[in-house]
Amino acid sequence: MEASKKWKLTSFHQVDIDTDEISHLDVDTLIGHGGNIKVSRDGSGCEATRERKIYQVALKKNGMTVAVKQLDQGDGYIAPGK
């Protein structure tokens, strides 16, 4: 992972985590992958597939093991307009 990429950390549980511990994810810590997004714009039926990777990370401060899901820039949910 390039050092120039910015990280946005969203924790769903209160965990003492250092971004340095998750900034060097590699194939040795990969525990899962997959994902499929269907994109439809103006009824065109356009489809796109994006790979999501999930890594296992052992935290040094408290000895916990957590899963880290890596999303591409621009991923996320956008609510449809009314």
PDB file of N, CA and C in Angstrom:
ATOM      1  N   MET A   1       0.847  -1.162   0.000  1.00  0.00           N
ATOM      2  CA  MET A   1       0.000   0.000   0.000  1.00  0.00           C
ATOM      3  C   MET A   1       0.894   1.226   0.000  1.00  0.00           C
ATOM      4  N   GLU A   2       0.593   2.200  -0.818  1.00  0.00           N
ATOM      5  CA  GLU A   2       1.397   3.409  -0.894  1.00  0.00           C
ATOM      6  C   GLU A   2       1.198   4.264   0.343  1.00  0.00           C
ATOM      7  N   ALA A   3       2.292   4.845   0.803  1.00  0.00           N
ATOM      8  CA  ALA A   3       2.230   5.690   1.999  1.00  0.00           C
ATOM      9  C   ALA A   3       1.466   6.979   1.736  1.00  0.00           C
ATOM     10  N   SER A   4       1.350   7.378   0.469  1.00  0.00           N
ATOM     11  CA  SER A   4       0.678   8.634   0.157  1.00  0.00           C
ATOM     12  C   SER A   4      -0.841   8.539   0.239  1.00  0.00           C
ATOM     13  N   LYS A   5      -1.381   7.329   0.252  1.00  0.00           N
ATOM     14  CA  LYS A   5      -2.832   7.175   0.338  1.00  0.00           C
ATOM     15  C   LYS A   5      -3.314   7.556   1.726  1.00  0.00           C
ATOM     16  N   LYS A   6      -4.438   8.247   1.784  1.00  0.00           N
ATOM     17  CA  LYS A   6      -5.017   8.641   3.065  1.00  0.00           C
ATOM     18  C   LYS A   6      -5.966   7.561   3.545  1.00  0.00           C
ATOM     19  N   TRP A   7      -6.037   7.399   4.852  1.00  0.00           N
ATOM     20  CA  TRP A   7      -6.920   6.422   5.469  1.00  0.00           C
ATOM     21  C   TRP A   7      -8.039   7.136   6.185  1.00  0.00           C
ATOM     22  N   LYS A   8      -9.233   6.590   6.074  1.00  0.00           N
ATOM     23  CA  LYS A   8     -10.360   7.047   6.878  1.00  0.00           C
ATOM     24  C   LYS A   8     -10.744   5.859   7.738  1.00  0.00           C
ATOM     25  N   LEU A   9     -10.624   6.011   9.029  1.00  0.00           N
ATOM     26  CA  LEU A   9     -10.891   4.922   9.952  1.00  0.00           C
ATOM     27  C   LEU A   9     -12.290   5.075  10.523  1.00  0.00           C
ATOM     28  N   THR A  10     -13.135   4.069  10.304  1.00  0.00           N
ATOM     29  CA  THR A  10     -14.472   4.040  10.879  1.00  0.00           C
ATOM     30  C   THR A  10     -14.551   2.819  11.772  1.00  0.00           C
ATOM     31  N   SER A  11     -14.655   3.040  13.063  1.00  0.00           N
ATOM     32  CA  SER A  11     -14.712   1.949  14.022  1.00  0.00           C
ATOM     33  C   SER A  11     -16.148   1.780  14.502  1.00  0.00           C
ATOM     34  N   PHE A  12     -16.664   0.563  14.404  1.00  0.00           N
ATOM     35  CA  PHE A  12     -18.026   0.292  14.840  1.00  0.00           C
ATOM     36  C   PHE A  12     -18.069  -0.175  16.289  1.00  0.00           C
ATOM     37  N   HIS A  13     -16.905  -0.430  16.843  1.00  0.00           N
ATOM     38  CA  HIS A  13     -16.751  -0.767  18.258  1.00  0.00           C
ATOM     39  C   HIS A  13     -15.584   0.053  18.775  1.00  0.00           C
ATOM     40  N   GLN A  14     -15.620   0.402  20.038  1.00  0.00           N
ATOM     41  CA  GLN A  14     -14.545   1.204  20.597  1.00  0.00           C
ATOM     42  C   GLN A  14     -13.299   0.335  20.762  1.00  0.00           C
ATOM     43  N   VAL A  15     -12.316   0.571  19.900  1.00  0.00           N
ATOM     44  CA  VAL A  15     -11.075  -0.194  19.896  1.00  0.00           C
ATOM     45  C   VAL A  15      -9.924   0.792  19.785  1.00  0.00           C
ATOM     46  N   ASP A  16      -8.896   0.590  20.614  1.00  0.00           N
ATOM     47  CA  ASP A  16      -7.704   1.424  20.537  1.00  0.00           C
ATOM     48  C   ASP A  16      -6.846   0.905  19.393  1.00  0.00           C
ATOM     49  N   ILE A  17      -6.888   1.609  18.259  1.00  0.00           N
ATOM     50  CA  ILE A  17      -6.196   1.144  17.059  1.00  0.00           C
ATOM     51  C   ILE A  17      -5.336   2.271  16.512  1.00  0.00           C
ATOM     52  N   ASP A  18      -4.177   1.905  16.039  1.00  0.00           N
ATOM     53  CA  ASP A  18      -3.235   2.849  15.461  1.00  0.00           C
ATOM     54  C   ASP A  18      -3.269   2.657  13.944  1.00  0.00           C
ATOM     55  N   THR A  19      -3.409   3.731  13.197  1.00  0.00           N
ATOM     56  CA  THR A  19      -3.500   3.601  11.740  1.00  0.00           C
ATOM     57  C   THR A  19      -2.244   2.986  11.141  1.00  0.00           C
ATOM     58  N   ASP A  20      -1.096   3.098  11.821  1.00  0.00           N
ATOM     59  CA  ASP A  20       0.120   2.455  11.314  1.00  0.00           C
ATOM     60  C   ASP A  20      -0.025   0.939  11.274  1.00  0.00           C
ATOM     61  N   GLU A  21      -0.825   0.390  12.173  1.00  0.00           N
ATOM     62  CA  GLU A  21      -1.015  -1.063  12.221  1.00  0.00           C
ATOM     63  C   GLU A  21      -1.842  -1.580  11.048  1.00  0.00           C
ATOM     64  N   ILE A  22      -2.637  -0.731  10.441  1.00  0.00           N
ATOM     65  CA  ILE A  22      -3.462  -1.178   9.315  1.00  0.00           C
ATOM     66  C   ILE A  22      -3.022  -0.580   7.991  1.00  0.00           C
ATOM     67  N   SER A  23      -1.952   0.199   7.988  1.00  0.00           N
ATOM     68  CA  SER A  23      -1.537   0.852   6.748  1.00  0.00           C
ATOM     69  C   SER A  23      -0.646  -0.024   5.875  1.00  0.00           C
ATOM     70  N   HIS A  24      -0.240  -1.182   6.367  1.00  0.00           N
ATOM     71  CA  HIS A  24       0.632  -2.064   5.591  1.00  0.00           C
ATOM     72  C   HIS A  24      -0.007  -3.444   5.440  1.00  0.00           C
ATOM     73  N   LEU A  25      -1.196  -3.477   4.874  1.00  0.00           N
ATOM     74  CA  LEU A  25      -1.908  -4.741   4.669  1.00  0.00           C
ATOM     75  C   LEU A  25      -1.285  -5.475   3.488  1.00  0.00           C
ATOM     76  N   ASP A  26      -1.111  -6.785   3.622  1.00  0.00           N
ATOM     77  CA  ASP A  26      -0.531  -7.549   2.525  1.00  0.00           C
ATOM     78  C   ASP A  26      -1.182  -8.925   2.417  1.00  0.00           C
ATOM     79  N   VAL A  27      -0.745  -9.693   1.443  1.00  0.00           N
ATOM     80  CA  VAL A  27      -1.367 -10.981   1.148  1.00  0.00           C
ATOM     81  C   VAL A  27      -1.240 -11.958   2.321  1.00  0.00           C
ATOM     82  N   ASP A  28      -0.234 -11.811   3.169  1.00  0.00           N
ATOM     83  CA  ASP A  28      -0.064 -12.716   4.310  1.00  0.00           C
ATOM     84  C   ASP A  28      -1.184 -12.584   5.340  1.00  0.00           C
ATOM     85  N   THR A  29      -1.824 -11.429   5.405  1.00  0.00           N
ATOM     86  CA  THR A  29      -2.888 -11.214   6.387  1.00  0.00           C
ATOM     87  C   THR A  29      -4.278 -11.232   5.759  1.00  0.00           C
ATOM     88  N   LEU A  30      -4.368 -11.525   4.467  1.00  0.00           N
ATOM     89  CA  LEU A  30      -5.653 -11.572   3.765  1.00  0.00           C
ATOM     90  C   LEU A  30      -6.464 -12.768   4.248  1.00  0.00           C
ATOM     91  N   ILE A  31      -7.701 -12.528   4.704  1.00  0.00           N
ATOM     92  CA  ILE A  31      -8.556 -13.623   5.175  1.00  0.00           C
ATOM     93  C   ILE A  31      -9.821 -13.779   4.338  1.00  0.00           C
ATOM     94  N   GLY A  32     -10.087 -12.857   3.430  1.00  0.00           N
ATOM     95  CA  GLY A  32     -11.272 -12.978   2.594  1.00  0.00           C
ATOM     96  C   GLY A  32     -11.297 -11.916   1.519  1.00  0.00           C
ATOM     97  N   HIS A  33     -12.072 -12.174   0.471  1.00  0.00           N
ATOM     98  CA  HIS A  33     -12.241 -11.175  -0.579  1.00  0.00           C
ATOM     99  C   HIS A  33     -13.507 -11.481  -1.356  1.00  0.00           C
ATOM    100  N   GLY A  34     -13.946 -10.507  -2.101  1.00  0.00           N
ATOM    101  CA  GLY A  34     -15.134 -10.693  -2.915  1.00  0.00           C
ATOM    102  C   GLY A  34     -15.967  -9.438  -2.943  1.00  0.00           C
ATOM    103  N   GLY A  35     -17.057  -9.515  -3.602  1.00  0.00           N
ATOM    104  CA  GLY A  35     -17.952  -8.371  -3.678  1.00  0.00           C
ATOM    105  C   GLY A  35     -18.412  -8.147  -5.099  1.00  0.00           C
ATOM    106  N   ASN A  36     -19.586  -7.636  -5.220  1.00  0.00           N
ATOM    107  CA  ASN A  36     -20.155  -7.380  -6.528  1.00  0.00           C
ATOM    108  C   ASN A  36     -21.107  -6.213  -6.391  1.00  0.00           C
ATOM    109  N   ILE A  37     -20.908  -5.223  -7.202  1.00  0.00           N
ATOM    110  CA  ILE A  37     -21.803  -4.069  -7.207  1.00  0.00           C
ATOM    111  C   ILE A  37     -22.431  -3.971  -8.583  1.00  0.00           C
ATOM    112  N   LYS A  38     -23.726  -3.870  -8.627  1.00  0.00           N
ATOM    113  CA  LYS A  38     -24.407  -3.648  -9.896  1.00  0.00           C
ATOM    114  C   LYS A  38     -24.778  -2.174  -9.968  1.00  0.00           C
ATOM    115  N   VAL A  39     -24.324  -1.530 -11.003  1.00  0.00           N
ATOM    116  CA  VAL A  39     -24.551  -0.100 -11.165  1.00  0.00           C
ATOM    117  C   VAL A  39     -25.485   0.105 -12.344  1.00  0.00           C
ATOM    118  N   SER A  40     -26.570   0.804 -12.122  1.00  0.00           N
ATOM    119  CA  SER A  40     -27.501   1.101 -13.201  1.00  0.00           C
ATOM    120  C   SER A  40     -27.709   2.602 -13.250  1.00  0.00           C
ATOM    121  N   ARG A  41     -27.407   3.193 -14.379  1.00  0.00           N
ATOM    122  CA  ARG A  41     -27.557   4.632 -14.535  1.00  0.00           C
ATOM    123  C   ARG A  41     -28.487   4.883 -15.722  1.00  0.00           C
ATOM    124  N   ASP A  42     -29.543   5.603 -15.477  1.00  0.00           N
ATOM    125  CA  ASP A  42     -30.516   5.949 -16.519  1.00  0.00           C
ATOM    126  C   ASP A  42     -31.071   4.714 -17.235  1.00  0.00           C
ATOM    127  N   GLY A  43     -31.220   3.613 -16.494  1.00  0.00           N
ATOM    128  CA  GLY A  43     -31.807   2.415 -17.075  1.00  0.00           C
ATOM    129  C   GLY A  43     -30.916   1.678 -18.050  1.00  0.00           C
ATOM    130  N   SER A  44     -29.639   2.013 -18.123  1.00  0.00           N
ATOM    131  CA  SER A  44     -28.750   1.381 -19.100  1.00  0.00           C
ATOM    132  C   SER A  44     -28.338  -0.031 -18.702  1.00  0.00           C
ATOM    133  N   GLY A  45     -28.518  -0.389 -17.427  1.00  0.00           N
ATOM    134  CA  GLY A  45     -28.164  -1.729 -16.975  1.00  0.00           C
ATOM    135  C   GLY A  45     -26.672  -1.977 -16.904  1.00  0.00           C
ATOM    136  N   CYS A  46     -25.903  -0.938 -16.768  1.00  0.00           N
ATOM    137  CA  CYS A  46     -24.446  -1.026 -16.672  1.00  0.00           C
ATOM    138  C   CYS A  46     -24.060  -1.826 -15.428  1.00  0.00           C
ATOM    139  N   GLU A  47     -23.070  -2.717 -15.517  1.00  0.00           N
ATOM    140  CA  GLU A  47     -22.646  -3.517 -14.368  1.00  0.00           C
ATOM    141  C   GLU A  47     -21.169  -3.299 -14.086  1.00  0.00           C
ATOM    142  N   ALA A  48     -20.815  -3.237 -12.819  1.00  0.00           N
ATOM    143  CA  ALA A  48     -19.410  -3.112 -12.419  1.00  0.00           C
ATOM    144  C   ALA A  48     -19.149  -4.057 -11.260  1.00  0.00           C
ATOM    145  N   THR A  49     -18.004  -4.674 -11.264  1.00  0.00           N
ATOM    146  CA  THR A  49     -17.617  -5.553 -10.165  1.00  0.00           C
ATOM    147  C   THR A  49     -16.389  -4.962  -9.499  1.00  0.00           C
ATOM    148  N   ARG A  50     -16.447  -4.839  -8.187  1.00  0.00           N
ATOM    149  CA  ARG A  50     -15.303  -4.327  -7.431  1.00  0.00           C
ATOM    150  C   ARG A  50     -14.903  -5.359  -6.397  1.00  0.00           C
ATOM    151  N   GLU A  51     -13.626  -5.550  -6.256  1.00  0.00           N
ATOM    152  CA  GLU A  51     -13.080  -6.502  -5.300  1.00  0.00           C
ATOM    153  C   GLU A  51     -12.918  -5.830  -3.941  1.00  0.00           C
ATOM    154  N   ARG A  52     -13.402  -6.468  -2.899  1.00  0.00           N
ATOM    155  CA  ARG A  52     -13.190  -6.010  -1.527  1.00  0.00           C
ATOM    156  C   ARG A  52     -12.256  -6.999  -0.865  1.00  0.00           C
ATOM    157  N   LYS A  53     -11.344  -6.500  -0.080  1.00  0.00           N
ATOM    158  CA  LYS A  53     -10.410  -7.374   0.622  1.00  0.00           C
ATOM    159  C   LYS A  53     -10.568  -7.183   2.119  1.00  0.00           C
ATOM    160  N   ILE A  54     -10.502  -8.290   2.853  1.00  0.00           N
ATOM    161  CA  ILE A  54     -10.611  -8.255   4.309  1.00  0.00           C
ATOM    162  C   ILE A  54      -9.335  -8.864   4.878  1.00  0.00           C
ATOM    163  N   TYR A  55      -8.721  -8.129   5.797  1.00  0.00           N
ATOM    164  CA  TYR A  55      -7.450  -8.543   6.381  1.00  0.00           C
ATOM    165  C   TYR A  55      -7.605  -8.779   7.876  1.00  0.00           C
ATOM    166  N   GLN A  56      -6.799  -9.686   8.407  1.00  0.00           N
ATOM    167  CA  GLN A  56      -6.737  -9.926   9.843  1.00  0.00           C
ATOM    168  C   GLN A  56      -5.530  -9.163  10.376  1.00  0.00           C
ATOM    169  N   VAL A  57      -5.747  -8.347  11.408  1.00  0.00           N
ATOM    170  CA  VAL A  57      -4.680  -7.524  11.969  1.00  0.00           C
ATOM    171  C   VAL A  57      -4.614  -7.752  13.471  1.00  0.00           C
ATOM    172  N   ALA A  58      -3.428  -8.082  13.971  1.00  0.00           N
ATOM    173  CA  ALA A  58      -3.205  -8.222  15.412  1.00  0.00           C
ATOM    174  C   ALA A  58      -2.751  -6.863  15.943  1.00  0.00           C
ATOM    175  N   LEU A  59      -3.503  -6.315  16.882  1.00  0.00           N
ATOM    176  CA  LEU A  59      -3.174  -5.010  17.446  1.00  0.00           C
ATOM    177  C   LEU A  59      -2.111  -5.161  18.525  1.00  0.00           C
ATOM    178  N   LYS A  60      -1.092  -4.332  18.462  1.00  0.00           N
ATOM    179  CA  LYS A  60       0.028  -4.436  19.394  1.00  0.00           C
ATOM    180  C   LYS A  60      -0.315  -3.906  20.780  1.00  0.00           C
ATOM    181  N   LYS A  61      -1.116  -2.847  20.849  1.00  0.00           N
ATOM    182  CA  LYS A  61      -1.389  -2.196  22.136  1.00  0.00           C
ATOM    183  C   LYS A  61      -2.172  -3.074  23.101  1.00  0.00           C
ATOM    184  N   ASN A  62      -3.185  -3.787  22.590  1.00  0.00           N
ATOM    185  CA  ASN A  62      -4.049  -4.548  23.493  1.00  0.00           C
ATOM    186  C   ASN A  62      -4.125  -6.043  23.172  1.00  0.00           C
ATOM    187  N   GLY A  63      -3.409  -6.503  22.164  1.00  0.00           N
ATOM    188  CA  GLY A  63      -3.376  -7.925  21.840  1.00  0.00           C
ATOM    189  C   GLY A  63      -4.612  -8.449  21.135  1.00  0.00           C
ATOM    190  N   MET A  64      -5.567  -7.583  20.813  1.00  0.00           N
ATOM    191  CA  MET A  64      -6.780  -8.010  20.107  1.00  0.00           C
ATOM    192  C   MET A  64      -6.462  -8.294  18.642  1.00  0.00           C
ATOM    193  N   THR A  65      -7.294  -9.115  18.027  1.00  0.00           N
ATOM    194  CA  THR A  65      -7.225  -9.348  16.593  1.00  0.00           C
ATOM    195  C   THR A  65      -8.508  -8.810  15.985  1.00  0.00           C
ATOM    196  N   VAL A  66      -8.371  -7.990  14.950  1.00  0.00           N
ATOM    197  CA  VAL A  66      -9.538  -7.388  14.306  1.00  0.00           C
ATOM    198  C   VAL A  66      -9.493  -7.676  12.811  1.00  0.00           C
ATOM    199  N   ALA A  67     -10.645  -7.541  12.176  1.00  0.00           N
ATOM    200  CA  ALA A  67     -10.739  -7.646  10.726  1.00  0.00           C
ATOM    201  C   ALA A  67     -10.840  -6.237  10.165  1.00  0.00           C
ATOM    202  N   VAL A  68     -10.100  -5.990   9.103  1.00  0.00           N
ATOM    203  CA  VAL A  68     -10.086  -4.683   8.455  1.00  0.00           C
ATOM    204  C   VAL A  68     -10.577  -4.874   7.030  1.00  0.00           C
ATOM    205  N   LYS A  69     -11.617  -4.154   6.657  1.00  0.00           N
ATOM    206  CA  LYS A  69     -12.167  -4.236   5.304  1.00  0.00           C
ATOM    207  C   LYS A  69     -11.647  -3.049   4.511  1.00  0.00           C
ATOM    208  N   GLN A  70     -11.001  -3.331   3.398  1.00  0.00           N
ATOM    209  CA  GLN A  70     -10.432  -2.290   2.559  1.00  0.00           C
ATOM    210  C   GLN A  70     -11.418  -1.945   1.449  1.00  0.00           C
ATOM    211  N   LEU A  71     -11.796  -0.688   1.371  1.00  0.00           N
ATOM    212  CA  LEU A  71     -12.702  -0.210   0.334  1.00  0.00           C
ATOM    213  C   LEU A  71     -11.944   0.691  -0.625  1.00  0.00           C
ATOM    214  N   ASP A  72     -12.350   0.692  -1.870  1.00  0.00           N
ATOM    215  CA  ASP A  72     -11.764   1.602  -2.842  1.00  0.00           C
ATOM    216  C   ASP A  72     -12.262   3.009  -2.584  1.00  0.00           C
ATOM    217  N   GLN A  73     -11.497   3.985  -3.039  1.00  0.00           N
ATOM    218  CA  GLN A  73     -11.934   5.368  -2.924  1.00  0.00           C
ATOM    219  C   GLN A  73     -13.236   5.519  -3.701  1.00  0.00           C
ATOM    220  N   GLY A  74     -14.201   6.180  -3.102  1.00  0.00           N
ATOM    221  CA  GLY A  74     -15.487   6.377  -3.751  1.00  0.00           C
ATOM    222  C   GLY A  74     -16.521   5.339  -3.385  1.00  0.00           C
ATOM    223  N   ASP A  75     -16.114   4.278  -2.672  1.00  0.00           N
ATOM    224  CA  ASP A  75     -17.083   3.285  -2.224  1.00  0.00           C
ATOM    225  C   ASP A  75     -17.956   3.888  -1.137  1.00  0.00           C
ATOM    226  N   GLY A  76     -19.099   3.341  -0.980  1.00  0.00           N
ATOM    227  CA  GLY A  76     -20.000   3.818   0.059  1.00  0.00           C
ATOM    228  C   GLY A  76     -21.417   3.838  -0.464  1.00  0.00           C
ATOM    229  N   TYR A  77     -22.324   4.084   0.417  1.00  0.00           N
ATOM    230  CA  TYR A  77     -23.735   4.080   0.065  1.00  0.00           C
ATOM    231  C   TYR A  77     -24.212   5.499  -0.149  1.00  0.00           C
ATOM    232  N   ILE A  78     -24.848   5.731  -1.249  1.00  0.00           N
ATOM    233  CA  ILE A  78     -25.473   7.021  -1.528  1.00  0.00           C
ATOM    234  C   ILE A  78     -26.967   6.767  -1.616  1.00  0.00           C
ATOM    235  N   ALA A  79     -27.706   7.386  -0.728  1.00  0.00           N
ATOM    236  CA  ALA A  79     -29.157   7.188  -0.701  1.00  0.00           C
ATOM    237  C   ALA A  79     -29.779   7.742  -1.970  1.00  0.00           C
ATOM    238  N   PRO A  80     -30.743   7.015  -2.537  1.00  0.00           N
ATOM    239  CA  PRO A  80     -31.412   7.513  -3.742  1.00  0.00           C
ATOM    240  C   PRO A  80     -32.230   8.758  -3.437  1.00  0.00           C
ATOM    241  N   GLY A  81     -32.312   9.644  -4.412  1.00  0.00           N
ATOM    242  CA  GLY A  81     -33.101  10.869  -4.252  1.00  0.00           C
ATOM    243  C   GLY A  81     -34.581  10.575  -4.242  1.00  0.00           C
ATOM    244  N   LYS A  82     -35.349  11.508  -3.729  1.00  0.00           N
ATOM    245  CA  LYS A  82     -36.812  11.327  -3.666  1.00  0.00           C
ATOM    246  C   LYS A  82     -37.443  11.596  -5.003  1.00  0.00           C
TER     247      LYS A  82
END
